[in-house]
Amino acid sequence: MQIKKTEFITGMTQKGASLRHEIPQIAFIGRSNVGKSSTINALANNKNLAKTSSYPGRTQQINIFLINDSTYFVDLPGYGFTKTSKSVRESIGELIDWYFLDSGYEPMVIALIVDANVGPTESDVAMLNYLEESDRNIIVLANKIDKIKQSEYVKKIRKVEEFAGKNTVIPFSAEKKKGITEFFQEAF
């Protein structure tokens, strides 16, 4: 897929926001600071589309981007550790639950992004189980492969594959733009 046009549509901060149901959605979710926004920027070939930060928990809304006037990229807030208050974390959790369970939106693909160098965490396992309960099409992006020592690469990718189970795993680097073609082939 060649991306020629990208547009920020909205940041949904509350339940009930409306998107056009006829436009397919790809949802991106992962721990805080795993590279969700950077992944969207790499896929869109637009480094300024999604706001990135080294500050955990920066994304506190569901950011919607329209790609080629034909697909929504849905950037969900991160889960796990964030530098935010308990009430903000609870609000973010409720927003994620609303999107997946009550909004009526059915993303054609959910890209679960994990840090391949760190490996899947307990919160990644919990999120994968949560997503699998609703029988969704999940692609696990093993991000940050550029950070893995070459001698540990096979072992670390195997660990992500074991975590992913039946779901497709794509080794990915938002920074080096690796895995983009494979993602689009799998997603579309």
Protein backbone atom coordinates (compact mmCIF):
# COMPACT_ATOMS: atom_id res chain seq x y z
CA MET A 1 0.00 0.00 0.00
CA GLN A 2 1.35 3.37 -0.94
CA ILE A 3 0.18 6.18 1.30
CA LYS A 4 -0.33 9.44 -0.53
CA LYS A 5 -2.60 11.36 1.81
CA THR A 6 -2.82 11.53 5.61
CA GLU A 7 -5.05 13.65 7.77
CA PHE A 8 -5.65 14.00 11.50
CA ILE A 9 -9.42 13.74 11.99
CA THR A 10 -10.08 14.00 15.71
CA GLY A 11 -9.00 13.14 19.21
CA MET A 12 -11.81 11.29 20.96
CA THR A 13 -11.74 12.00 24.69
CA GLN A 14 -15.17 10.71 25.56
CA LYS A 15 -17.47 7.88 24.72
CA GLY A 16 -19.95 8.45 21.97
CA ALA A 17 -17.77 10.19 19.38
CA SER A 18 -18.70 9.29 15.83
CA LEU A 19 -16.69 7.94 12.91
CA ARG A 20 -17.99 6.89 9.53
CA HIS A 21 -18.74 3.18 9.84
CA GLU A 22 -18.16 2.44 6.13
CA ILE A 23 -14.46 3.35 6.45
CA PRO A 24 -12.36 0.40 7.66
CA GLN A 25 -10.26 0.88 10.78
CA ILE A 26 -6.89 -0.39 11.91
CA ALA A 27 -6.44 0.06 15.67
CA PHE A 28 -2.99 0.41 17.23
CA ILE A 29 -2.55 -0.48 20.89
CA GLY A 30 0.37 -1.23 23.19
CA ARG A 31 2.09 -0.26 26.41
CA SER A 32 2.98 3.36 27.06
CA ASN A 33 6.12 4.32 25.13
CA VAL A 34 6.21 1.17 23.02
CA GLY A 35 6.13 3.26 19.84
CA LYS A 36 2.48 3.36 18.77
CA SER A 37 2.59 6.89 17.39
CA SER A 38 6.02 6.31 15.85
CA THR A 39 4.67 3.17 14.18
CA ILE A 40 1.75 5.10 12.70
CA ASN A 41 4.16 7.78 11.47
CA ALA A 42 6.42 5.15 9.87
CA LEU A 43 3.48 3.40 8.18
CA ALA A 44 2.07 6.73 6.95
CA ASN A 45 5.53 7.94 5.87
CA ASN A 46 4.81 11.16 7.74
CA LYS A 47 6.96 11.77 10.81
CA ASN A 48 4.69 14.58 12.01
CA LEU A 49 1.30 12.90 11.73
CA ALA A 50 0.99 11.40 15.22
CA LYS A 51 2.55 13.27 18.13
CA THR A 52 5.36 11.32 19.79
CA SER A 53 6.89 11.76 23.21
CA SER A 54 9.35 10.08 25.56
CA TYR A 55 6.89 10.88 28.35
CA PRO A 56 4.88 7.72 29.27
CA GLY A 57 1.15 8.28 28.98
CA ARG A 58 1.28 11.27 26.64
CA THR A 59 -1.60 10.01 24.48
CA GLN A 60 -4.72 10.32 26.62
CA GLN A 61 -7.32 10.18 23.89
CA ILE A 62 -8.13 8.05 20.87
CA ASN A 63 -6.48 9.80 17.93
CA ILE A 64 -8.02 9.17 14.52
CA PHE A 65 -6.15 9.59 11.25
CA LEU A 66 -7.62 9.19 7.76
CA ILE A 67 -5.24 7.45 5.38
CA ASN A 68 -5.69 7.81 1.60
CA ASP A 69 -9.32 8.84 2.21
CA SER A 70 -10.06 5.14 2.68
CA THR A 71 -8.84 3.80 6.05
CA TYR A 72 -8.80 5.09 9.61
CA PHE A 73 -5.69 4.53 11.70
CA VAL A 74 -6.85 4.54 15.33
CA ASP A 75 -4.09 5.43 17.83
CA LEU A 76 -5.27 4.22 21.23
CA PRO A 77 -3.77 5.41 24.52
CA GLY A 78 -1.08 3.22 26.05
CA TYR A 79 -1.67 0.84 28.91
CA GLY A 80 0.67 -0.07 31.76
CA PHE A 81 2.95 2.45 33.44
CA THR A 82 2.17 6.11 32.82
CA LYS A 83 3.11 9.31 34.59
CA THR A 84 -0.53 10.21 35.18
CA SER A 85 -2.95 10.15 38.07
CA LYS A 86 -5.02 7.10 38.96
CA SER A 87 -8.20 8.84 37.79
CA VAL A 88 -6.65 9.60 34.38
CA ARG A 89 -5.50 5.96 34.03
CA GLU A 90 -9.02 4.77 34.90
CA SER A 91 -10.52 7.20 32.39
CA ILE A 92 -8.15 5.94 29.68
CA GLY A 93 -9.05 2.32 30.51
CA GLU A 94 -12.74 3.14 30.22
CA LEU A 95 -12.15 4.83 26.85
CA ILE A 96 -10.30 1.75 25.52
CA ASP A 97 -13.09 -0.53 26.81
CA TRP A 98 -15.69 1.68 25.15
CA TYR A 99 -13.85 1.56 21.80
CA PHE A 100 -13.48 -2.24 21.77
CA LEU A 101 -16.70 -3.29 23.51
CA ASP A 102 -19.43 -0.66 23.22
CA SER A 103 -18.68 1.75 20.38
CA GLY A 104 -19.96 -0.49 17.61
CA TYR A 105 -16.67 -0.10 15.74
CA GLU A 106 -15.12 -3.28 14.41
CA PRO A 107 -11.53 -2.63 13.38
CA MET A 108 -10.51 -4.92 10.55
CA VAL A 109 -7.14 -5.35 12.24
CA ILE A 110 -5.76 -4.65 15.70
CA ALA A 111 -2.02 -4.05 15.74
CA LEU A 112 -0.78 -4.99 19.21
CA ILE A 113 2.65 -3.41 19.52
CA VAL A 114 5.17 -4.95 21.89
CA ASP A 115 8.78 -4.02 22.57
CA ALA A 116 10.75 -6.88 21.01
CA ASN A 117 13.88 -5.96 22.94
CA VAL A 118 12.16 -5.92 26.35
CA GLY A 119 9.82 -8.79 25.49
CA PRO A 120 6.13 -9.15 26.30
CA THR A 121 5.18 -7.92 29.77
CA GLU A 122 2.35 -9.01 32.06
CA SER A 123 0.27 -6.09 30.82
CA ASP A 124 0.91 -7.21 27.19
CA VAL A 125 -0.28 -10.72 28.08
CA ALA A 126 -3.40 -9.28 29.73
CA MET A 127 -4.13 -7.10 26.68
CA LEU A 128 -3.65 -9.99 24.24
CA ASN A 129 -6.04 -12.14 26.30
CA TYR A 130 -8.54 -9.26 26.40
CA LEU A 131 -8.39 -8.84 22.60
CA GLU A 132 -8.57 -12.57 21.89
CA GLU A 133 -11.76 -12.91 23.95
CA SER A 134 -13.60 -10.96 21.26
CA ASP A 135 -12.14 -13.02 18.39
CA ARG A 136 -10.45 -10.12 16.60
CA ASN A 137 -7.90 -10.14 13.77
CA ILE A 138 -4.70 -9.36 15.70
CA ILE A 139 -1.27 -8.67 14.28
CA VAL A 140 1.55 -8.47 16.82
CA LEU A 141 4.16 -5.92 15.81
CA ALA A 142 7.46 -6.75 17.50
CA ASN A 143 8.72 -3.16 17.51
CA LYS A 144 12.21 -1.87 18.23
CA ILE A 145 14.03 -4.77 16.55
CA ASP A 146 16.79 -2.28 15.75
CA LYS A 147 17.57 -2.19 19.49
CA ILE A 148 18.19 -5.94 19.75
CA LYS A 149 21.76 -7.25 19.77
CA GLN A 150 22.26 -9.48 16.74
CA SER A 151 23.30 -12.40 18.97
CA GLU A 152 19.94 -12.21 20.82
CA TYR A 153 17.65 -11.51 17.85
CA VAL A 154 16.34 -15.03 17.18
CA LYS A 155 15.75 -15.72 20.88
CA LYS A 156 13.85 -12.47 21.44
CA ILE A 157 11.68 -12.83 18.34
CA ARG A 158 10.89 -16.42 19.31
CA LYS A 159 9.75 -15.17 22.72
CA VAL A 160 7.34 -12.73 21.03
CA GLU A 161 6.08 -15.52 18.74
CA GLU A 162 5.41 -17.76 21.75
CA PHE A 163 3.51 -14.91 23.39
CA ALA A 164 1.49 -14.24 20.20
CA GLY A 165 0.31 -17.84 19.78
CA LYS A 166 -1.83 -18.16 16.66
CA ASN A 167 -1.55 -14.45 15.83
CA THR A 168 0.80 -13.19 13.14
CA VAL A 169 4.05 -11.63 14.36
CA ILE A 170 5.86 -9.05 12.26
CA PRO A 171 9.36 -7.96 13.31
CA PHE A 172 9.18 -4.18 13.08
CA SER A 173 11.24 -1.04 13.52
CA ALA A 174 9.42 2.27 13.39
CA GLU A 175 12.77 4.04 13.58
CA LYS A 176 14.40 2.11 10.70
CA LYS A 177 11.09 1.60 8.82
CA LYS A 178 11.41 -2.19 8.76
CA GLY A 179 8.36 -4.43 8.53
CA ILE A 180 6.12 -1.88 6.83
CA THR A 181 5.56 -3.88 3.63
CA GLU A 182 4.89 -7.04 5.66
CA PHE A 183 2.36 -5.21 7.82
CA PHE A 184 0.41 -3.87 4.86
CA GLN A 185 0.45 -7.29 3.15
CA GLU A 186 -0.99 -8.89 6.29
CA ALA A 187 -3.46 -6.12 7.15
CA PHE A 188 -4.97 -5.75 3.69
